[in-house]
Amino acid sequence: MPVRIAIDAMGGDFGPKPVLGALKHLADVPDIEVLLVGDPEELEPQLNGHPKARVVASKSVIGMEESATAAIKKKADSSIAVAVRLAKEGEADAVVSPGHTGATMACAVMNLGRLEGVIRPAVTTILPTGDHPIIVLDVGANVDCKPEMFVDFAVMGTVYAEEVLGRTNPRVGLLSIGTESKKGNEQTLAAYPLLEKAPVNFCGNMEGRQIFGGSFDVVVCDGFVGNILLKFGEATAAHIYSELKDQIRQVVASANLESAALLKSTFESMFKRMDHEEYGGAPLLGVNGTCLVCHGGASDRALANAALNAAASVRHNVNQRIVDRLAPLRGRRVSA
């Protein structure tokens, strides 16, 4: 039976164009059906009889500038609201949205609810760190966290690393200002002993420099720190890319075309291994459903990869694995 992916086709920065483009990348993928949620008059003429896609009508779009909470209440017929409703009613197995991040998160939590045992869902990202991509959570959903929430993040990240990235016994690190167990703020110091007892392969504190290098598979932190880390990483990568392009232009201008071609090939290979579009979107883990949030300007390739990762989460039953892994902790939390 195909995995049914509901995609918010209207909410991205470029409207339905990249979503429709993503269908080309998915055309030869077996066992996936795409539900394009949006304006039928705009979408259906461009489908051209695509065998794996159909349109589900919605009547409005939540703009990027709108307040998430107010927009959800006012626009119950928006493309993201309808997409989430399809998942809630069992007509879709997963949701992918390049639309308003806050609205997508709020709509998913309000309508789908939380997984049993999860205190708060977390926005998760996969940092493309070369040969060893690393999972980081939370990156924005929870700016203030109770110590127990770090355990949830560690469990959810571990299951995702196992099932979607294919890691064996993923190594979990707690992001802090030093590797010693006694370093950190009140949150991390309180979370450390809880993580030592958690059903994960906790390897202690890690510093920001250890994001690269392959020493860890999963990084746990609060959403405040995680969001800064994510955006600093994105900006750094963009800056390096811009500087390297400038250097290549200078080599070309010097008429050393052979060297320019070699540099171009080398850098293209490097950036391909560090391309965030390989993963497409940020999974919202802890929600009682499968939901990926994409960048508003996501390309057709990024959206296609988000759909593939969503399908992998469904096939590997990630949510049930998270519930099962957290089950031993529920009694302790109630008694505590």
Protein backbone atom coordinates (compact mmCIF):
# COMPACT_ATOMS: atom_id res chain seq x y z
CA MET A 1 0.00 0.00 0.00
CA PRO A 2 1.49 3.40 -0.96
CA VAL A 3 2.43 5.96 1.67
CA ARG A 4 0.15 8.96 1.22
CA ILE A 5 1.96 12.29 1.61
CA ALA A 6 -0.18 15.44 1.98
CA ILE A 7 1.82 18.47 0.81
CA ASP A 8 0.82 22.06 1.52
CA ALA A 9 1.07 23.21 -2.10
CA MET A 10 0.26 26.88 -1.51
CA GLY A 11 2.08 28.02 1.63
CA GLY A 12 5.69 28.30 0.39
CA ASP A 13 7.45 31.46 -0.74
CA PHE A 14 7.05 30.50 -4.40
CA GLY A 15 3.55 29.05 -4.25
CA PRO A 16 2.85 25.74 -5.97
CA LYS A 17 5.68 25.86 -8.54
CA PRO A 18 8.37 23.95 -6.54
CA VAL A 19 5.76 21.54 -5.18
CA LEU A 20 4.68 20.67 -8.71
CA GLY A 21 8.34 20.38 -9.67
CA ALA A 22 8.88 17.88 -6.85
CA LEU A 23 6.49 15.49 -8.59
CA LYS A 24 9.05 14.97 -11.35
CA HIS A 25 11.57 13.69 -8.78
CA LEU A 26 8.97 11.35 -7.30
CA ALA A 27 7.61 10.00 -10.57
CA ASP A 28 9.67 6.81 -10.47
CA VAL A 29 9.51 6.26 -6.70
CA PRO A 30 7.35 3.22 -5.89
CA ASP A 31 4.69 3.16 -3.18
CA ILE A 32 4.18 6.92 -2.74
CA GLU A 33 1.00 8.87 -3.41
CA VAL A 34 1.03 12.67 -3.22
CA LEU A 35 -1.99 14.69 -2.11
CA LEU A 36 -1.50 18.28 -3.24
CA VAL A 37 -3.51 20.53 -0.93
CA GLY A 38 -4.44 23.85 -2.46
CA ASP A 39 -6.43 25.65 -5.12
CA PRO A 40 -7.74 23.09 -7.66
CA GLU A 41 -8.04 25.73 -10.40
CA GLU A 42 -4.34 26.47 -10.09
CA LEU A 43 -3.05 22.95 -9.48
CA GLU A 44 -5.07 20.54 -11.61
CA PRO A 45 -4.20 22.02 -15.04
CA GLN A 46 -0.51 21.53 -14.24
CA LEU A 47 -0.71 17.91 -13.10
CA ASN A 48 -0.92 16.61 -16.66
CA GLY A 49 -2.44 13.35 -15.52
CA HIS A 50 0.36 12.57 -13.05
CA PRO A 51 -0.30 8.98 -11.92
CA LYS A 52 0.81 9.49 -8.31
CA ALA A 53 -0.78 12.83 -7.45
CA ARG A 54 -4.23 14.22 -6.87
CA VAL A 55 -5.52 17.55 -5.61
CA VAL A 56 -7.37 18.11 -2.34
CA ALA A 57 -9.09 21.48 -2.25
CA SER A 58 -8.37 24.20 0.27
CA LYS A 59 -9.70 27.76 0.22
CA SER A 60 -7.04 29.95 1.81
CA VAL A 61 -3.34 30.30 2.57
CA ILE A 62 -1.61 31.34 5.80
CA GLY A 63 0.90 34.05 4.90
CA MET A 64 4.40 34.11 6.35
CA GLU A 65 3.72 37.47 8.01
CA GLU A 66 0.61 36.29 9.89
CA SER A 67 0.41 35.33 13.55
CA ALA A 68 0.38 31.54 13.75
CA THR A 69 -2.27 31.20 16.45
CA ALA A 70 -4.61 33.82 15.01
CA ALA A 71 -4.26 32.49 11.48
CA ILE A 72 -5.08 28.91 12.48
CA LYS A 73 -8.28 30.05 14.18
CA LYS A 74 -9.26 32.38 11.34
CA LYS A 75 -8.29 30.11 8.42
CA ALA A 76 -9.53 26.63 9.25
CA ASP A 77 -9.73 25.98 5.51
CA SER A 78 -6.08 26.93 4.79
CA SER A 79 -3.82 24.58 2.86
CA ILE A 80 -1.80 23.59 5.95
CA ALA A 81 -4.92 23.08 8.08
CA VAL A 82 -6.49 20.83 5.45
CA ALA A 83 -3.24 18.86 5.03
CA VAL A 84 -3.04 18.21 8.79
CA ARG A 85 -6.74 17.33 8.86
CA LEU A 86 -6.14 14.67 6.22
CA ALA A 87 -3.55 13.09 8.51
CA LYS A 88 -5.84 13.30 11.52
CA GLU A 89 -8.70 11.63 9.65
CA GLY A 90 -6.47 8.85 8.31
CA GLU A 91 -6.60 9.97 4.68
CA ALA A 92 -2.89 10.86 4.66
CA ASP A 93 0.05 9.13 6.35
CA ALA A 94 2.30 12.18 6.57
CA VAL A 95 2.32 15.95 6.07
CA VAL A 96 5.00 18.06 4.38
CA SER A 97 4.77 21.85 4.48
CA PRO A 98 7.03 24.63 3.14
CA GLY A 99 4.58 27.13 4.62
CA HIS A 100 4.47 29.15 7.85
CA THR A 101 6.62 27.17 10.31
CA GLY A 102 4.83 28.35 13.44
CA ALA A 103 1.41 27.69 11.94
CA THR A 104 2.45 24.23 10.76
CA MET A 105 3.79 23.31 14.20
CA ALA A 106 0.80 24.72 16.06
CA CYS A 107 -1.69 23.11 13.71
CA ALA A 108 0.03 19.72 13.99
CA VAL A 109 0.21 19.79 17.79
CA MET A 110 -3.36 21.06 18.22
CA ASN A 111 -4.93 18.59 15.80
CA LEU A 112 -2.73 15.51 16.00
CA GLY A 113 -1.77 15.76 19.66
CA ARG A 114 1.39 14.39 21.28
CA LEU A 115 2.74 10.87 21.33
CA GLU A 116 2.13 9.03 24.59
CA GLY A 117 4.94 9.83 27.02
CA VAL A 118 6.24 12.90 25.18
CA ILE A 119 6.21 16.11 27.22
CA ARG A 120 6.66 18.49 24.26
CA PRO A 121 7.33 17.82 20.56
CA ALA A 122 10.61 19.06 19.12
CA VAL A 123 11.65 20.48 15.79
CA THR A 124 14.50 18.32 14.53
CA THR A 125 17.12 19.02 11.91
CA ILE A 126 19.74 16.94 10.18
CA LEU A 127 22.95 18.91 9.78
CA PRO A 128 24.75 17.76 6.61
CA THR A 129 28.24 17.57 8.13
CA GLY A 130 29.96 15.79 5.25
CA ASP A 131 30.19 12.02 5.52
CA HIS A 132 28.44 11.85 8.89
CA PRO A 133 25.22 13.92 9.09
CA ILE A 134 24.13 14.63 12.64
CA ILE A 135 20.65 15.04 14.16
CA VAL A 136 20.02 18.10 16.34
CA LEU A 137 16.94 18.70 18.48
CA ASP A 138 15.31 20.90 19.58
CA VAL A 139 15.96 23.72 17.09
CA GLY A 140 13.15 26.10 17.92
CA ALA A 141 9.96 24.62 19.33
CA ASN A 142 10.89 24.88 23.03
CA VAL A 143 13.11 27.78 24.05
CA ASP A 144 12.79 26.82 27.72
CA CYS A 145 13.01 23.15 28.66
CA LYS A 146 12.52 21.03 31.74
CA PRO A 147 15.38 18.56 32.31
CA GLU A 148 13.08 15.63 31.50
CA MET A 149 12.47 17.05 28.03
CA PHE A 150 16.12 16.46 27.12
CA VAL A 151 15.50 12.75 27.70
CA ASP A 152 12.54 12.85 25.31
CA PHE A 153 14.71 14.61 22.73
CA ALA A 154 17.45 12.01 23.13
CA VAL A 155 15.02 9.11 22.69
CA MET A 156 13.27 10.68 19.69
CA GLY A 157 16.57 11.57 18.02
CA THR A 158 17.94 8.07 18.66
CA VAL A 159 14.95 6.37 17.07
CA TYR A 160 15.08 8.69 14.05
CA ALA A 161 18.82 8.05 13.64
CA GLU A 162 18.25 4.30 13.79
CA GLU A 163 15.25 4.08 11.53
CA VAL A 164 15.77 6.84 8.95
CA LEU A 165 19.56 7.29 8.88
CA GLY A 166 20.30 3.62 9.53
CA ARG A 167 22.64 4.23 12.49
CA THR A 168 23.42 1.42 14.92
CA ASN A 169 23.43 2.38 18.61
CA PRO A 170 23.53 6.15 17.91
CA ARG A 171 25.78 8.19 20.18
CA VAL A 172 23.92 10.97 21.99
CA GLY A 173 25.60 14.16 23.20
CA LEU A 174 24.29 16.95 25.42
CA LEU A 175 25.39 20.29 23.95
CA SER A 176 27.20 22.30 26.61
CA ILE A 177 30.16 24.61 27.24
CA GLY A 178 32.53 21.79 28.08
CA THR A 179 32.80 18.02 27.96
CA GLU A 180 33.02 17.62 31.74
CA SER A 181 29.80 16.51 33.44
CA LYS A 182 29.93 19.41 35.90
CA LYS A 183 29.97 22.10 33.19
CA GLY A 184 26.82 23.75 31.94
CA ASN A 185 23.82 25.77 33.09
CA GLU A 186 21.07 24.68 35.47
CA GLN A 187 19.17 22.92 32.69
CA THR A 188 22.04 20.84 31.37
CA LEU A 189 23.39 20.00 34.83
CA ALA A 190 19.97 18.68 35.84
CA ALA A 191 19.50 16.84 32.54
CA TYR A 192 22.86 15.06 32.63
CA PRO A 193 22.05 12.41 35.29
CA LEU A 194 18.65 11.80 33.69
CA LEU A 195 20.31 11.13 30.35
CA GLU A 196 22.75 8.72 32.01
CA LYS A 197 19.76 6.59 33.04
CA ALA A 198 17.83 7.02 29.77
CA PRO A 199 17.36 4.15 27.28
CA VAL A 200 19.86 5.68 24.85
CA ASN A 201 23.60 5.53 24.22
CA PHE A 202 24.42 8.72 26.12
CA CYS A 203 28.07 9.67 25.64
CA GLY A 204 28.17 12.77 27.83
CA ASN A 205 28.52 16.48 27.19
CA MET A 206 29.72 17.75 23.84
CA GLU A 207 31.01 21.12 22.70
CA GLY A 208 29.94 22.97 19.58
CA ARG A 209 33.18 22.04 17.80
CA GLN A 210 32.19 18.37 18.03
CA ILE A 211 29.20 18.86 15.74
CA PHE A 212 31.68 17.97 13.00
CA GLY A 213 33.98 14.99 13.15
CA GLY A 214 31.60 12.06 13.53
CA SER A 215 31.93 11.60 17.30
CA PHE A 216 28.17 11.89 17.85
CA ASP A 217 25.00 10.99 15.99
CA VAL A 218 22.41 12.94 18.00
CA VAL A 219 22.75 16.35 19.68
CA VAL A 220 20.22 17.40 22.32
CA CYS A 221 19.74 21.00 23.43
CA ASP A 222 16.93 23.43 24.17
CA GLY A 223 15.26 25.21 21.27
CA PHE A 224 16.92 28.54 22.07
CA VAL A 225 20.44 27.15 21.73
CA GLY A 226 19.49 24.84 18.88
CA ASN A 227 17.97 27.60 16.77
CA ILE A 228 21.05 29.78 17.18
CA LEU A 229 23.26 26.82 16.25
CA LEU A 230 21.18 26.07 13.17
CA LYS A 231 21.04 29.62 11.85
CA PHE A 232 24.71 30.29 12.56
CA GLY A 233 25.58 27.10 10.68
CA GLU A 234 23.41 28.08 7.71
CA ALA A 235 24.95 31.56 7.58
CA THR A 236 28.49 30.21 7.89
CA ALA A 237 27.95 27.73 5.05
CA ALA A 238 26.47 30.45 2.84
CA HIS A 239 29.39 32.78 3.60
CA ILE A 240 32.02 30.13 2.82
CA TYR A 241 30.22 29.25 -0.41
CA SER A 242 30.15 32.90 -1.45
CA GLU A 243 33.85 33.35 -0.69
CA LEU A 244 34.82 30.24 -2.64
CA LYS A 245 32.78 31.34 -5.65
CA ASP A 246 34.61 34.66 -5.54
CA GLN A 247 37.96 32.89 -5.53
CA ILE A 248 36.96 30.77 -8.53
CA ARG A 249 35.93 33.93 -10.42
CA GLN A 250 39.35 35.42 -9.73
CA VAL A 251 41.06 32.31 -11.08
CA VAL A 252 38.86 32.43 -14.20
CA ALA A 253 39.65 36.11 -14.63
CA SER A 254 43.36 35.27 -14.58
CA ALA A 255 42.72 32.99 -17.59
CA ASN A 256 43.85 29.91 -15.69
CA LEU A 257 40.87 27.90 -16.94
CA GLU A 258 42.32 24.48 -16.08
CA SER A 259 42.77 25.43 -12.44
CA ALA A 260 39.30 27.00 -12.36
CA ALA A 261 37.71 23.81 -13.67
CA LEU A 262 39.52 21.73 -11.05
CA LEU A 263 38.47 24.08 -8.26
CA LYS A 264 34.87 24.10 -9.47
CA SER A 265 34.71 20.29 -9.56
CA THR A 266 36.26 19.99 -6.09
CA PHE A 267 33.94 22.50 -4.49
CA GLU A 268 30.85 21.08 -6.15
CA SER A 269 31.68 17.65 -4.73
CA MET A 270 32.25 19.13 -1.27
CA PHE A 271 29.03 21.10 -1.20
CA LYS A 272 27.03 18.14 -2.46
CA ARG A 273 28.09 16.23 0.67
CA MET A 274 27.01 19.18 2.81
CA ASP A 275 23.77 19.98 1.00
CA HIS A 276 20.82 20.44 3.37
CA GLU A 277 18.41 19.72 0.50
CA GLU A 278 19.36 16.04 0.75
CA TYR A 279 17.04 15.83 3.78
CA GLY A 280 14.44 18.35 2.64
CA GLY A 281 12.81 19.35 5.90
CA ALA A 282 12.78 19.30 9.68
CA PRO A 283 10.77 16.48 11.28
CA LEU A 284 8.43 17.55 14.06
CA LEU A 285 9.10 14.63 16.41
CA GLY A 286 6.79 13.87 19.30
CA VAL A 287 3.60 14.69 17.42
CA ASN A 288 1.10 11.86 17.02
CA GLY A 289 1.62 11.82 13.29
CA THR A 290 4.39 12.34 10.75
CA CYS A 291 5.05 15.98 9.88
CA LEU A 292 8.01 17.64 8.18
CA VAL A 293 8.48 21.41 8.10
CA CYS A 294 10.42 22.75 5.10
CA HIS A 295 12.04 26.10 4.43
CA GLY A 296 9.68 28.58 2.80
CA GLY A 297 12.01 28.81 -0.17
CA ALA A 298 12.50 25.05 -0.48
CA SER A 299 13.32 23.86 -4.00
CA ASP A 300 11.52 21.09 -5.85
CA ARG A 301 14.39 18.73 -4.98
CA ALA A 302 14.22 19.60 -1.27
CA LEU A 303 10.46 19.03 -1.21
CA ALA A 304 10.82 15.67 -2.96
CA ASN A 305 13.45 14.58 -0.43
CA ALA A 306 11.21 15.74 2.43
CA ALA A 307 8.44 13.53 1.04
CA LEU A 308 10.85 10.58 0.82
CA ASN A 309 12.02 11.07 4.42
CA ALA A 310 8.41 11.36 5.59
CA ALA A 311 7.62 8.10 3.82
CA ALA A 312 10.64 6.44 5.44
CA SER A 313 9.41 7.55 8.89
CA VAL A 314 6.01 6.01 8.19
CA ARG A 315 7.40 2.74 6.83
CA HIS A 316 9.80 2.35 9.76
CA ASN A 317 7.04 3.14 12.25
CA VAL A 318 9.15 5.81 13.94
CA ASN A 319 6.35 7.09 16.16
CA GLN A 320 5.54 3.70 17.66
CA ARG A 321 9.24 3.08 18.23
CA ILE A 322 9.43 6.35 20.18
CA VAL A 323 6.41 5.41 22.31
CA ASP A 324 7.88 1.98 23.04
CA ARG A 325 11.29 3.42 23.97
CA LEU A 326 9.73 5.97 26.32
CA ALA A 327 7.37 3.46 27.98
CA PRO A 328 9.74 2.48 30.85
CA LEU A 329 10.07 6.15 31.82
CA ARG A 330 6.39 6.90 32.23
CA GLY A 331 6.04 5.23 35.62
CA ARG A 332 9.09 7.02 37.00
CA ARG A 333 7.77 10.41 35.94
CA VAL A 334 4.36 9.80 37.50
CA SER A 335 5.88 8.65 40.79
CA ALA A 336 8.33 11.53 40.79
